[in-house]
């Protein structure tokens, strides 16, 4: 049953990664790469200690994290999972080689 749901649920969850506004569409190609880099780095940092930073990730048992993710359960700052989570000032910080905010926000508590 779980294997049948994954192909159906995963595309729907990936649609959630599209920003709600057209902010992402207005970014330059270089800035879009930075946004994706921030999200991927954040997920890697989180996964060093725990398996589910984002709803569309999988547990070590190959189950979809869904509502068990840090993104859905967090009371404070959440990991970067969606492109809309990344603010223009965070893109500027990466351009200035200041990526410490990623570690701060993405390290599991």
N, C-alpha and C. Protein backbone atom coordinates (compact mmCIF):
# COMPACT_ATOMS: atom_id res chain seq x y z
N UNK A 1 0.82 -1.20 0.00
CA UNK A 1 0.00 0.00 0.00
C UNK A 1 0.86 1.26 0.00
N UNK A 2 1.92 1.28 0.86
CA UNK A 2 2.79 2.45 0.94
C UNK A 2 3.48 2.70 -0.39
N UNK A 3 3.90 1.65 -1.05
CA UNK A 3 4.59 1.79 -2.33
C UNK A 3 3.66 2.36 -3.39
N UNK A 4 2.39 2.09 -3.28
CA UNK A 4 1.42 2.64 -4.22
C UNK A 4 1.19 4.13 -3.99
N UNK A 5 1.25 4.56 -2.75
CA UNK A 5 1.00 5.96 -2.42
C UNK A 5 2.16 6.87 -2.79
N UNK A 6 3.39 6.38 -2.69
CA UNK A 6 4.56 7.22 -2.96
C UNK A 6 4.51 7.84 -4.36
N UNK A 7 4.25 7.05 -5.44
CA UNK A 7 4.20 7.67 -6.77
C UNK A 7 3.07 8.70 -6.91
N UNK A 8 2.02 8.55 -6.10
CA UNK A 8 0.91 9.49 -6.18
C UNK A 8 1.14 10.73 -5.34
N UNK A 9 1.73 10.56 -4.18
CA UNK A 9 1.91 11.65 -3.24
C UNK A 9 3.12 12.51 -3.57
N UNK A 10 4.21 11.90 -4.01
CA UNK A 10 5.44 12.64 -4.25
C UNK A 10 5.27 13.78 -5.24
N UNK A 11 4.62 13.59 -6.40
CA UNK A 11 4.44 14.74 -7.31
C UNK A 11 3.63 15.87 -6.68
N UNK A 12 2.66 15.52 -5.85
CA UNK A 12 1.88 16.56 -5.18
C UNK A 12 2.73 17.34 -4.19
N UNK A 13 3.59 16.64 -3.46
CA UNK A 13 4.47 17.33 -2.51
C UNK A 13 5.49 18.20 -3.23
N UNK A 14 5.97 17.75 -4.36
CA UNK A 14 6.93 18.55 -5.11
C UNK A 14 6.29 19.84 -5.63
N UNK A 15 5.00 19.81 -5.88
CA UNK A 15 4.31 21.04 -6.29
C UNK A 15 4.33 22.08 -5.18
N UNK A 16 4.41 21.62 -3.93
CA UNK A 16 4.48 22.54 -2.81
C UNK A 16 5.79 23.32 -2.78
N UNK A 17 6.79 22.83 -3.50
CA UNK A 17 8.09 23.48 -3.53
C UNK A 17 8.09 24.72 -4.41
N UNK A 18 7.05 24.90 -5.20
CA UNK A 18 6.96 26.07 -6.06
C UNK A 18 6.49 27.24 -5.22
N UNK A 19 7.18 28.37 -5.28
CA UNK A 19 6.79 29.50 -4.45
C UNK A 19 5.39 29.99 -4.78
N UNK A 20 4.72 30.52 -3.77
CA UNK A 20 3.36 30.97 -3.96
C UNK A 20 3.29 32.27 -4.77
N UNK A 21 4.35 33.03 -4.76
CA UNK A 21 4.36 34.26 -5.55
C UNK A 21 5.32 34.09 -6.71
N UNK A 22 5.42 35.11 -7.53
CA UNK A 22 6.31 35.03 -8.68
C UNK A 22 7.70 35.57 -8.36
N UNK A 23 8.04 35.66 -7.08
CA UNK A 23 9.35 36.14 -6.67
C UNK A 23 10.46 35.30 -7.27
N UNK A 24 10.31 33.99 -7.20
CA UNK A 24 11.33 33.10 -7.75
C UNK A 24 11.46 33.29 -9.25
N UNK A 25 10.36 33.50 -9.93
CA UNK A 25 10.39 33.67 -11.39
C UNK A 25 11.15 34.94 -11.79
N UNK A 26 11.19 35.90 -10.90
CA UNK A 26 11.85 37.17 -11.21
C UNK A 26 13.35 37.12 -10.95
N UNK A 27 13.84 36.08 -10.34
CA UNK A 27 15.27 35.98 -10.03
C UNK A 27 16.07 35.67 -11.29
N UNK A 28 17.32 36.09 -11.26
CA UNK A 28 18.23 35.75 -12.36
C UNK A 28 18.57 34.26 -12.27
N UNK A 29 19.04 33.66 -13.36
CA UNK A 29 19.44 32.25 -13.30
C UNK A 29 20.50 31.98 -12.22
N UNK A 30 21.42 32.91 -12.04
CA UNK A 30 22.45 32.74 -11.01
C UNK A 30 21.83 32.73 -9.61
N UNK A 31 20.86 33.61 -9.38
CA UNK A 31 20.20 33.66 -8.08
C UNK A 31 19.35 32.41 -7.84
N UNK A 32 18.74 31.88 -8.88
CA UNK A 32 17.97 30.64 -8.75
C UNK A 32 18.88 29.49 -8.33
N UNK A 33 20.09 29.46 -8.87
CA UNK A 33 21.06 28.43 -8.48
C UNK A 33 21.44 28.58 -7.02
N UNK A 34 21.59 29.83 -6.57
CA UNK A 34 21.93 30.08 -5.16
C UNK A 34 20.80 29.60 -4.26
N UNK A 35 19.56 29.88 -4.64
CA UNK A 35 18.41 29.42 -3.85
C UNK A 35 18.43 27.89 -3.73
N UNK A 36 18.62 27.22 -4.85
CA UNK A 36 18.67 25.75 -4.82
C UNK A 36 19.85 25.25 -3.99
N UNK A 37 20.97 25.96 -4.05
CA UNK A 37 22.15 25.60 -3.25
C UNK A 37 21.85 25.74 -1.76
N UNK A 38 21.17 26.81 -1.38
CA UNK A 38 20.81 27.02 0.03
C UNK A 38 19.92 25.87 0.52
N UNK A 39 18.92 25.51 -0.27
CA UNK A 39 18.00 24.44 0.12
C UNK A 39 18.74 23.11 0.23
N UNK A 40 19.57 22.79 -0.75
CA UNK A 40 20.30 21.51 -0.73
C UNK A 40 21.29 21.46 0.43
N UNK A 41 22.00 22.55 0.69
CA UNK A 41 22.95 22.60 1.80
C UNK A 41 22.22 22.42 3.12
N UNK A 42 21.09 23.08 3.25
CA UNK A 42 20.30 22.98 4.47
C UNK A 42 19.85 21.55 4.71
N UNK A 43 19.35 20.89 3.69
CA UNK A 43 18.90 19.51 3.82
C UNK A 43 20.06 18.60 4.20
N UNK A 44 21.24 18.82 3.60
CA UNK A 44 22.41 17.99 3.93
C UNK A 44 22.82 18.17 5.38
N UNK A 45 22.84 19.42 5.84
CA UNK A 45 23.20 19.71 7.24
C UNK A 45 22.23 19.02 8.19
N UNK A 46 20.95 19.14 7.92
CA UNK A 46 19.95 18.53 8.80
C UNK A 46 20.07 17.01 8.81
N UNK A 47 20.27 16.41 7.63
CA UNK A 47 20.32 14.96 7.51
C UNK A 47 21.54 14.34 8.18
N UNK A 48 22.52 15.13 8.55
CA UNK A 48 23.68 14.57 9.27
C UNK A 48 23.27 14.03 10.63
N UNK A 49 22.21 14.61 11.22
CA UNK A 49 21.77 14.19 12.55
C UNK A 49 20.40 13.54 12.56
N UNK A 50 19.53 13.97 11.65
CA UNK A 50 18.15 13.44 11.61
C UNK A 50 17.71 13.26 10.17
N UNK A 51 16.73 12.37 9.93
CA UNK A 51 16.40 12.01 8.55
C UNK A 51 15.38 12.87 7.81
N UNK A 52 14.59 13.67 8.46
CA UNK A 52 13.45 14.31 7.79
C UNK A 52 13.42 15.83 7.89
N UNK A 53 14.25 16.54 7.12
CA UNK A 53 14.15 17.99 7.17
C UNK A 53 12.90 18.51 6.47
N UNK A 54 12.52 17.88 5.35
CA UNK A 54 11.43 18.40 4.51
C UNK A 54 10.37 17.32 4.28
N UNK A 55 9.14 17.74 4.01
CA UNK A 55 8.06 16.77 3.81
C UNK A 55 8.29 15.81 2.66
N UNK A 56 9.02 16.23 1.65
CA UNK A 56 9.24 15.38 0.47
C UNK A 56 10.47 14.49 0.58
N UNK A 57 11.16 14.52 1.71
CA UNK A 57 12.30 13.63 1.94
C UNK A 57 11.80 12.27 2.41
N UNK A 58 12.73 11.31 2.46
CA UNK A 58 12.39 9.96 2.88
C UNK A 58 13.16 9.59 4.14
N UNK A 59 12.53 8.77 4.98
CA UNK A 59 13.19 8.26 6.18
C UNK A 59 14.20 7.21 5.77
N UNK A 60 14.97 6.73 6.74
CA UNK A 60 15.94 5.67 6.45
C UNK A 60 15.24 4.38 6.06
N UNK A 61 13.98 4.22 6.44
CA UNK A 61 13.19 3.06 6.06
C UNK A 61 12.48 3.26 4.72
N UNK A 62 12.85 4.29 4.00
CA UNK A 62 12.32 4.60 2.68
C UNK A 62 10.83 4.97 2.69
N UNK A 63 10.39 5.59 3.79
CA UNK A 63 9.02 6.09 3.87
C UNK A 63 9.04 7.60 3.72
N UNK A 64 8.02 8.14 3.12
CA UNK A 64 7.91 9.58 2.93
C UNK A 64 7.76 10.28 4.27
N UNK A 65 8.54 11.33 4.50
CA UNK A 65 8.50 12.04 5.78
C UNK A 65 7.17 12.74 6.01
N UNK A 66 6.65 13.37 4.98
CA UNK A 66 5.35 14.05 5.01
C UNK A 66 5.22 14.95 6.25
N UNK A 67 4.20 14.72 7.07
CA UNK A 67 3.95 15.59 8.22
C UNK A 67 4.88 15.31 9.39
N UNK A 68 5.77 14.33 9.28
CA UNK A 68 6.75 14.04 10.33
C UNK A 68 8.05 14.81 10.11
N UNK A 69 8.08 15.72 9.17
CA UNK A 69 9.30 16.46 8.88
C UNK A 69 9.50 17.61 9.85
N UNK A 70 10.74 18.05 9.96
CA UNK A 70 11.05 19.21 10.81
C UNK A 70 10.36 20.45 10.28
N UNK A 71 10.16 20.51 8.98
CA UNK A 71 9.51 21.66 8.35
C UNK A 71 8.07 21.82 8.84
N UNK A 72 7.39 20.69 9.03
CA UNK A 72 6.01 20.74 9.48
C UNK A 72 5.86 20.79 10.99
N UNK A 73 6.84 20.28 11.72
CA UNK A 73 6.71 20.19 13.17
C UNK A 73 7.37 21.35 13.93
N UNK A 74 8.22 22.09 13.28
CA UNK A 74 9.01 23.11 13.98
C UNK A 74 8.14 24.23 14.54
N UNK A 75 8.52 24.67 15.72
CA UNK A 75 7.84 25.81 16.34
C UNK A 75 8.62 27.09 16.09
N UNK A 76 9.90 26.95 15.85
CA UNK A 76 10.75 28.11 15.58
C UNK A 76 11.12 28.14 14.11
N UNK A 77 12.32 28.58 13.81
CA UNK A 77 12.76 28.60 12.41
C UNK A 77 12.79 27.18 11.83
N UNK A 78 12.32 27.05 10.62
CA UNK A 78 12.28 25.75 9.96
C UNK A 78 13.42 25.64 8.95
N UNK A 79 13.77 24.42 8.57
CA UNK A 79 14.79 24.27 7.52
C UNK A 79 14.28 24.88 6.20
N UNK A 80 15.21 25.23 5.34
CA UNK A 80 14.84 25.71 4.02
C UNK A 80 14.40 24.49 3.20
N UNK A 81 13.14 24.44 2.82
CA UNK A 81 12.63 23.33 2.01
C UNK A 81 12.03 23.81 0.70
N UNK A 82 11.43 24.96 0.73
CA UNK A 82 10.78 25.52 -0.45
C UNK A 82 11.55 26.75 -0.92
N UNK A 83 11.48 26.99 -2.19
CA UNK A 83 12.18 28.16 -2.74
C UNK A 83 11.66 29.46 -2.14
N UNK A 84 10.40 29.49 -1.79
CA UNK A 84 9.81 30.68 -1.19
C UNK A 84 10.36 30.95 0.22
N UNK A 85 10.99 29.96 0.84
CA UNK A 85 11.57 30.13 2.18
C UNK A 85 12.82 31.01 2.15
N UNK A 86 13.47 31.10 1.02
CA UNK A 86 14.73 31.84 0.90
C UNK A 86 14.43 33.29 0.56
N UNK A 87 14.91 34.18 1.42
CA UNK A 87 14.66 35.62 1.25
C UNK A 87 15.78 36.26 0.42
N UNK A 88 15.49 37.38 -0.22
CA UNK A 88 16.51 38.07 -1.02
C UNK A 88 17.77 38.41 -0.23
N UNK A 89 17.62 38.76 1.04
CA UNK A 89 18.80 39.09 1.85
C UNK A 89 19.67 37.86 2.11
N UNK A 90 19.06 36.67 2.10
CA UNK A 90 19.84 35.45 2.27
C UNK A 90 20.61 35.12 0.99
N UNK A 91 20.03 35.43 -0.14
CA UNK A 91 20.75 35.27 -1.41
C UNK A 91 21.95 36.21 -1.43
N UNK A 92 21.74 37.44 -0.98
CA UNK A 92 22.82 38.42 -0.92
C UNK A 92 23.92 37.96 0.03
N UNK A 93 23.55 37.36 1.15
CA UNK A 93 24.54 36.88 2.12
C UNK A 93 25.42 35.80 1.50
N UNK A 94 24.84 34.90 0.73
CA UNK A 94 25.62 33.85 0.08
C UNK A 94 26.57 34.47 -0.93
N UNK A 95 26.12 35.46 -1.65
CA UNK A 95 26.99 36.14 -2.62
C UNK A 95 28.18 36.79 -1.93
N UNK A 96 28.00 37.20 -0.68
CA UNK A 96 29.08 37.84 0.09
C UNK A 96 29.86 36.80 0.90
N UNK A 97 29.66 35.51 0.57
CA UNK A 97 30.37 34.41 1.23
C UNK A 97 30.04 34.30 2.72
N UNK A 98 28.85 34.73 3.10
CA UNK A 98 28.41 34.62 4.49
C UNK A 98 27.27 33.61 4.54
N UNK A 99 27.61 32.35 4.75
CA UNK A 99 26.61 31.29 4.73
C UNK A 99 26.31 30.75 6.13
N UNK A 100 26.72 31.46 7.15
CA UNK A 100 26.53 30.96 8.51
C UNK A 100 25.05 30.83 8.88
N UNK A 101 24.19 31.63 8.27
CA UNK A 101 22.77 31.56 8.58
C UNK A 101 22.19 30.19 8.21
N UNK A 102 22.78 29.53 7.22
CA UNK A 102 22.27 28.23 6.79
C UNK A 102 22.51 27.20 7.91
N UNK A 103 23.71 27.16 8.44
CA UNK A 103 24.03 26.23 9.52
C UNK A 103 23.17 26.51 10.75
N UNK A 104 23.00 27.78 11.07
CA UNK A 104 22.21 28.16 12.24
C UNK A 104 20.77 27.70 12.10
N UNK A 105 20.20 27.90 10.95
CA UNK A 105 18.78 27.57 10.74
C UNK A 105 18.56 26.08 10.49
N UNK A 106 19.55 25.38 9.98
CA UNK A 106 19.34 24.02 9.52
C UNK A 106 19.90 22.93 10.43
N UNK A 107 20.58 23.28 11.48
CA UNK A 107 21.10 22.28 12.41
C UNK A 107 19.97 21.87 13.35
N UNK A 108 19.66 20.58 13.43
CA UNK A 108 18.57 20.14 14.31
C UNK A 108 18.87 20.45 15.76
N UNK A 109 17.85 20.83 16.48
CA UNK A 109 18.00 21.17 17.90
C UNK A 109 17.87 19.93 18.76
